[in-house]
Amino acid sequence: MAVRTALVGGGATGIGYATAEQLALAGHRVVITGRRADALETAAAGLRESTGGDVHWLAGDLADPFSTDAVAAEVTSRHGSLDILVLNAGGPPPGRILEIDDKQWQSAFGLLLLGPLALARLALPRMAARGFGRVVFLTSTAVRQPQPDLAISVVLRSAVTAAAKLLAREFAAEGVTVNCVAPGPTATGRREQILTARATVTGRTYADLDAQDAASVPAGRAGEPAEIGAAVAFLASAEASYVNGTVLTVDGGRTETI
């Protein structure tokens, strides 16, 4: 198998870290990116130790179009190509639709939509020219089953899902696929943030809300980040060449829509 280079956003922690680990275990060269150089350096060292893989890090703000240009150029300069692009950004703060102010909307718009689109715009034509490419957006099951206190995520990740559907048509004939992975409740710091915010609003205990959330999943538990990473790794593989423009839901069966 040819060694392919994967760039993973938010790769220092949570689902991003687990995705980077799964891609490295699959034999890909992995570059993790994010805003904090110290966290990225530590994460890359941990990934090299756990996988024995070729793992690098590159600091950059993917909400900033100028930074995305620099990140894409640096990856190409160092490694020759960018073959797999995992567009994963940290979750925006919880809040109901009328509680979100304009500044929060603008900030999240750059982080969740404009930045990822800028990077996809750079990467996709180059992938097509080489005859292979995989782009995976990390979204949320809240797109299909909206949660009122996750308004920013529901609205903007819905836009991301629509954008991914349009992008999937652009270079499909040249061996490039674009898909989404929509995680349900997953055991990460993001889930802790959401449940803590709910506890504050409702006056209920964290433990009570944690149990209620797990009980809402037919599998009876929150997912593990590695389970999300494995789904991304499949979509990034050569074997997934005929999977394009779809949303792969990984939520233990919680989403009720058909």
Protein backbone atom coordinates (compact mmCIF):
# COMPACT_ATOMS: atom_id res chain seq x y z
CA MET A 1 0.00 0.00 0.00
CA ALA A 2 1.28 3.44 -0.91
CA VAL A 3 2.02 5.65 2.08
CA ARG A 4 -0.55 8.42 2.14
CA THR A 5 -0.42 11.61 4.17
CA ALA A 6 -3.35 12.49 6.41
CA LEU A 7 -3.96 15.87 8.03
CA VAL A 8 -6.18 15.70 11.11
CA GLY A 9 -7.67 18.84 12.62
CA GLY A 10 -8.00 19.01 16.39
CA GLY A 11 -5.63 16.09 16.61
CA ALA A 12 -4.25 16.77 20.09
CA THR A 13 -7.26 15.49 22.03
CA GLY A 14 -10.52 13.56 21.93
CA ILE A 15 -11.93 12.33 18.64
CA GLY A 16 -9.16 14.03 16.66
CA TYR A 17 -6.47 12.21 18.61
CA ALA A 18 -8.29 8.89 18.29
CA THR A 19 -8.73 9.42 14.56
CA ALA A 20 -5.04 10.18 14.14
CA GLU A 21 -4.24 7.00 16.06
CA GLN A 22 -6.48 4.86 13.85
CA LEU A 23 -5.02 6.36 10.67
CA ALA A 24 -1.48 5.78 11.90
CA LEU A 25 -2.33 2.17 12.76
CA ALA A 26 -3.66 1.79 9.21
CA GLY A 27 -0.22 2.72 7.90
CA HIS A 28 -0.74 6.34 6.93
CA ARG A 29 1.65 9.18 7.62
CA VAL A 30 -0.26 11.48 9.98
CA VAL A 31 0.05 15.20 10.63
CA ILE A 32 -2.04 16.54 13.50
CA THR A 33 -2.88 20.21 13.68
CA GLY A 34 -4.50 22.65 16.08
CA ARG A 35 -3.80 25.92 17.85
CA ARG A 36 -1.63 24.78 20.78
CA ALA A 37 1.90 23.75 19.87
CA ASP A 38 2.66 22.27 23.30
CA ALA A 39 -0.40 20.01 23.27
CA LEU A 40 0.29 18.94 19.67
CA GLU A 41 3.92 18.07 20.42
CA THR A 42 2.90 15.95 23.39
CA ALA A 43 0.11 14.26 21.42
CA ALA A 44 2.37 13.46 18.47
CA ALA A 45 4.90 11.84 20.79
CA GLY A 46 2.14 9.76 22.38
CA LEU A 47 0.82 8.69 19.00
CA ARG A 48 4.26 7.64 17.80
CA GLU A 49 4.68 5.56 20.95
CA SER A 50 1.26 3.89 20.75
CA THR A 51 1.28 3.18 17.01
CA GLY A 52 4.91 3.04 15.96
CA GLY A 53 3.75 5.23 13.09
CA ASP A 54 5.05 8.25 11.22
CA VAL A 55 3.32 11.07 13.12
CA HIS A 56 4.05 14.81 12.93
CA TRP A 57 2.43 17.99 14.21
CA LEU A 58 1.85 21.44 12.81
CA ALA A 59 0.34 24.36 14.71
CA GLY A 60 -2.28 26.41 12.89
CA ASP A 61 -5.65 28.07 13.30
CA LEU A 62 -8.03 26.40 10.85
CA ALA A 63 -10.62 29.12 11.48
CA ASP A 64 -8.23 31.57 9.79
CA PRO A 65 -8.03 31.33 5.96
CA PHE A 66 -4.46 32.66 5.98
CA SER A 67 -3.47 29.94 8.42
CA THR A 68 -5.14 27.22 6.34
CA ASP A 69 -3.05 28.29 3.35
CA ALA A 70 0.11 28.00 5.41
CA VAL A 71 -0.86 24.63 6.88
CA ALA A 72 -1.67 23.11 3.48
CA ALA A 73 1.52 24.49 1.95
CA GLU A 74 3.66 23.20 4.82
CA VAL A 75 2.18 19.69 4.68
CA THR A 76 2.75 19.53 0.92
CA SER A 77 6.27 20.92 1.25
CA ARG A 78 7.28 18.43 3.92
CA HIS A 79 5.53 15.32 2.67
CA GLY A 80 4.84 15.84 -1.03
CA SER A 81 1.07 15.47 -0.93
CA LEU A 82 -2.04 15.77 1.18
CA ASP A 83 -4.14 12.69 0.50
CA ILE A 84 -6.53 12.46 3.47
CA LEU A 85 -8.09 15.51 5.09
CA VAL A 86 -10.01 15.13 8.35
CA LEU A 87 -11.86 18.35 9.13
CA ASN A 88 -12.46 18.16 12.85
CA ALA A 89 -12.97 21.28 14.94
CA GLY A 90 -13.69 21.71 18.60
CA GLY A 91 -17.33 21.90 19.58
CA PRO A 92 -18.80 25.38 20.07
CA PRO A 93 -20.19 26.39 23.49
CA PRO A 94 -23.63 25.03 24.41
CA GLY A 95 -26.60 27.37 24.29
CA ARG A 96 -30.14 27.70 23.00
CA ILE A 97 -30.87 29.41 19.70
CA LEU A 98 -31.87 32.83 21.11
CA GLU A 99 -29.11 32.84 23.72
CA ILE A 100 -26.28 32.93 21.18
CA ASP A 101 -24.97 36.43 20.46
CA ASP A 102 -23.56 37.71 17.17
CA LYS A 103 -19.95 37.40 18.28
CA GLN A 104 -20.41 33.73 19.14
CA TRP A 105 -22.09 33.05 15.79
CA GLN A 106 -19.28 34.77 13.89
CA SER A 107 -16.56 32.91 15.78
CA ALA A 108 -18.22 29.53 15.29
CA PHE A 109 -18.93 30.30 11.62
CA GLY A 110 -15.21 30.65 10.97
CA LEU A 111 -14.28 27.60 13.02
CA LEU A 112 -16.91 25.15 11.78
CA LEU A 113 -17.58 26.25 8.21
CA LEU A 114 -15.34 28.89 6.62
CA GLY A 115 -12.02 27.46 7.81
CA PRO A 116 -12.78 23.86 6.79
CA LEU A 117 -14.12 25.03 3.41
CA ALA A 118 -10.97 27.05 2.80
CA LEU A 119 -8.80 24.00 3.43
CA ALA A 120 -11.04 21.76 1.30
CA ARG A 121 -10.85 24.33 -1.50
CA LEU A 122 -7.07 24.05 -1.48
CA ALA A 123 -6.87 20.29 -1.10
CA LEU A 124 -9.54 18.88 -3.39
CA PRO A 125 -8.17 19.95 -6.82
CA ARG A 126 -4.72 18.65 -5.88
CA MET A 127 -6.19 15.34 -4.75
CA ALA A 128 -8.05 15.07 -8.05
CA ALA A 129 -4.88 15.76 -10.02
CA ARG A 130 -3.22 12.79 -8.27
CA GLY A 131 -6.25 10.53 -8.70
CA PHE A 132 -6.89 9.89 -5.01
CA GLY A 133 -8.32 11.86 -2.13
CA ARG A 134 -10.41 11.49 0.99
CA VAL A 135 -12.10 14.34 2.85
CA VAL A 136 -14.02 13.59 6.03
CA PHE A 137 -15.95 16.20 8.01
CA LEU A 138 -16.67 15.47 11.68
CA THR A 139 -20.19 16.72 12.37
CA SER A 140 -22.80 15.56 14.90
CA THR A 141 -25.98 13.52 15.17
CA ALA A 142 -27.57 16.76 16.41
CA VAL A 143 -27.86 17.66 12.72
CA ARG A 144 -30.41 14.88 12.22
CA GLN A 145 -31.96 15.00 15.67
CA PRO A 146 -31.55 18.58 16.93
CA GLN A 147 -30.82 19.21 20.60
CA PRO A 148 -32.12 22.63 21.73
CA ASP A 149 -29.11 23.45 23.91
CA LEU A 150 -26.63 22.79 21.09
CA ALA A 151 -27.95 25.47 18.74
CA ILE A 152 -24.64 26.54 17.21
CA SER A 153 -23.67 22.97 16.44
CA VAL A 154 -27.10 22.13 14.98
CA VAL A 155 -27.21 25.17 12.69
CA LEU A 156 -23.61 25.32 11.47
CA ARG A 157 -22.96 21.59 11.24
CA SER A 158 -26.12 21.35 9.15
CA ALA A 159 -24.47 23.83 6.78
CA VAL A 160 -21.27 21.77 6.85
CA THR A 161 -23.25 18.64 5.95
CA ALA A 162 -24.83 20.43 3.00
CA ALA A 163 -21.44 21.73 1.87
CA ALA A 164 -19.96 18.23 2.04
CA LYS A 165 -22.79 16.92 -0.13
CA LEU A 166 -22.01 19.52 -2.78
CA LEU A 167 -18.26 18.92 -2.59
CA ALA A 168 -18.79 15.18 -3.03
CA ARG A 169 -19.88 15.78 -6.63
CA GLU A 170 -16.94 17.92 -7.67
CA PHE A 171 -14.15 15.37 -8.18
CA ALA A 172 -15.81 11.99 -7.66
CA ALA A 173 -14.75 10.82 -11.13
CA GLU A 174 -11.11 11.54 -10.22
CA GLY A 175 -11.03 9.21 -7.21
CA VAL A 176 -11.88 11.78 -4.54
CA THR A 177 -14.61 11.23 -1.95
CA VAL A 178 -16.14 13.61 0.57
CA ASN A 179 -18.16 12.28 3.51
CA CYS A 180 -19.25 13.13 7.02
CA VAL A 181 -18.99 11.17 10.23
CA ALA A 182 -21.67 12.14 12.75
CA PRO A 183 -20.80 11.04 16.29
CA GLY A 184 -23.38 10.62 18.99
CA PRO A 185 -22.50 10.98 22.69
CA THR A 186 -18.82 10.16 22.99
CA ALA A 187 -16.62 9.99 26.09
CA THR A 188 -14.63 13.17 25.52
CA GLY A 189 -14.11 16.52 27.20
CA ARG A 190 -16.78 17.92 24.90
CA ARG A 191 -19.43 15.61 26.35
CA GLU A 192 -18.35 16.61 29.86
CA GLN A 193 -18.72 20.28 28.88
CA ILE A 194 -22.24 19.73 27.56
CA LEU A 195 -23.40 17.76 30.59
CA THR A 196 -21.83 20.26 32.99
CA ALA A 197 -23.67 23.11 31.26
CA ARG A 198 -26.94 21.18 31.49
CA ALA A 199 -26.35 20.54 35.17
CA THR A 200 -25.86 24.25 35.76
CA VAL A 201 -29.04 25.18 33.89
CA THR A 202 -31.28 22.47 35.34
CA GLY A 203 -29.90 22.19 38.87
CA ARG A 204 -29.52 18.44 38.46
CA THR A 205 -26.35 16.55 39.26
CA TYR A 206 -23.78 15.67 36.65
CA ALA A 207 -24.06 11.97 37.58
CA ASP A 208 -27.82 12.05 37.01
CA LEU A 209 -27.49 13.67 33.60
CA ASP A 210 -24.66 11.32 32.66
CA ALA A 211 -26.83 8.30 33.45
CA GLN A 212 -29.81 9.76 31.61
CA ASP A 213 -27.71 10.48 28.54
CA ALA A 214 -26.28 6.96 28.47
CA ALA A 215 -29.76 5.48 28.94
CA SER A 216 -30.95 7.32 25.83
CA VAL A 217 -28.55 5.21 23.75
CA PRO A 218 -29.76 1.70 22.83
CA ALA A 219 -26.18 0.50 23.36
CA GLY A 220 -26.48 1.80 26.94
CA ARG A 221 -23.29 3.84 26.98
CA ALA A 222 -21.38 6.70 25.46
CA GLY A 223 -19.11 5.84 22.57
CA GLU A 224 -15.35 5.62 22.74
CA PRO A 225 -13.31 8.07 20.65
CA ALA A 226 -11.58 5.11 18.97
CA GLU A 227 -14.94 3.95 17.64
CA ILE A 228 -15.37 7.28 15.87
CA GLY A 229 -11.78 7.18 14.66
CA ALA A 230 -12.31 3.73 13.17
CA ALA A 231 -15.25 5.04 11.12
CA VAL A 232 -13.10 7.87 9.78
CA ALA A 233 -10.27 5.48 8.98
CA PHE A 234 -12.65 3.31 6.96
CA LEU A 235 -13.87 6.29 4.92
CA ALA A 236 -10.21 7.26 4.35
CA SER A 237 -9.33 3.83 2.99
CA ALA A 238 -9.06 2.66 -0.60
CA GLU A 239 -11.83 0.16 0.14
CA ALA A 240 -14.29 3.03 0.70
CA SER A 241 -13.86 4.35 -2.83
CA TYR A 242 -17.58 3.97 -3.66
CA VAL A 243 -18.80 5.68 -0.47
CA ASN A 244 -19.29 9.32 -1.34
CA GLY A 245 -21.52 12.17 -0.22
CA THR A 246 -22.95 10.32 2.75
CA VAL A 247 -23.18 10.74 6.52
CA LEU A 248 -21.92 7.81 8.58
CA THR A 249 -23.71 7.97 11.94
CA VAL A 250 -21.81 6.48 14.89
CA ASP A 251 -24.11 6.79 17.89
CA GLY A 252 -24.98 3.38 19.33
CA GLY A 253 -28.39 3.54 17.65
CA ARG A 254 -29.68 6.70 19.38
CA THR A 255 -30.75 8.69 16.34
CA GLU A 256 -34.40 7.88 15.74
CA THR A 257 -34.81 9.13 12.16
CA ILE A 258 -34.75 6.61 9.34
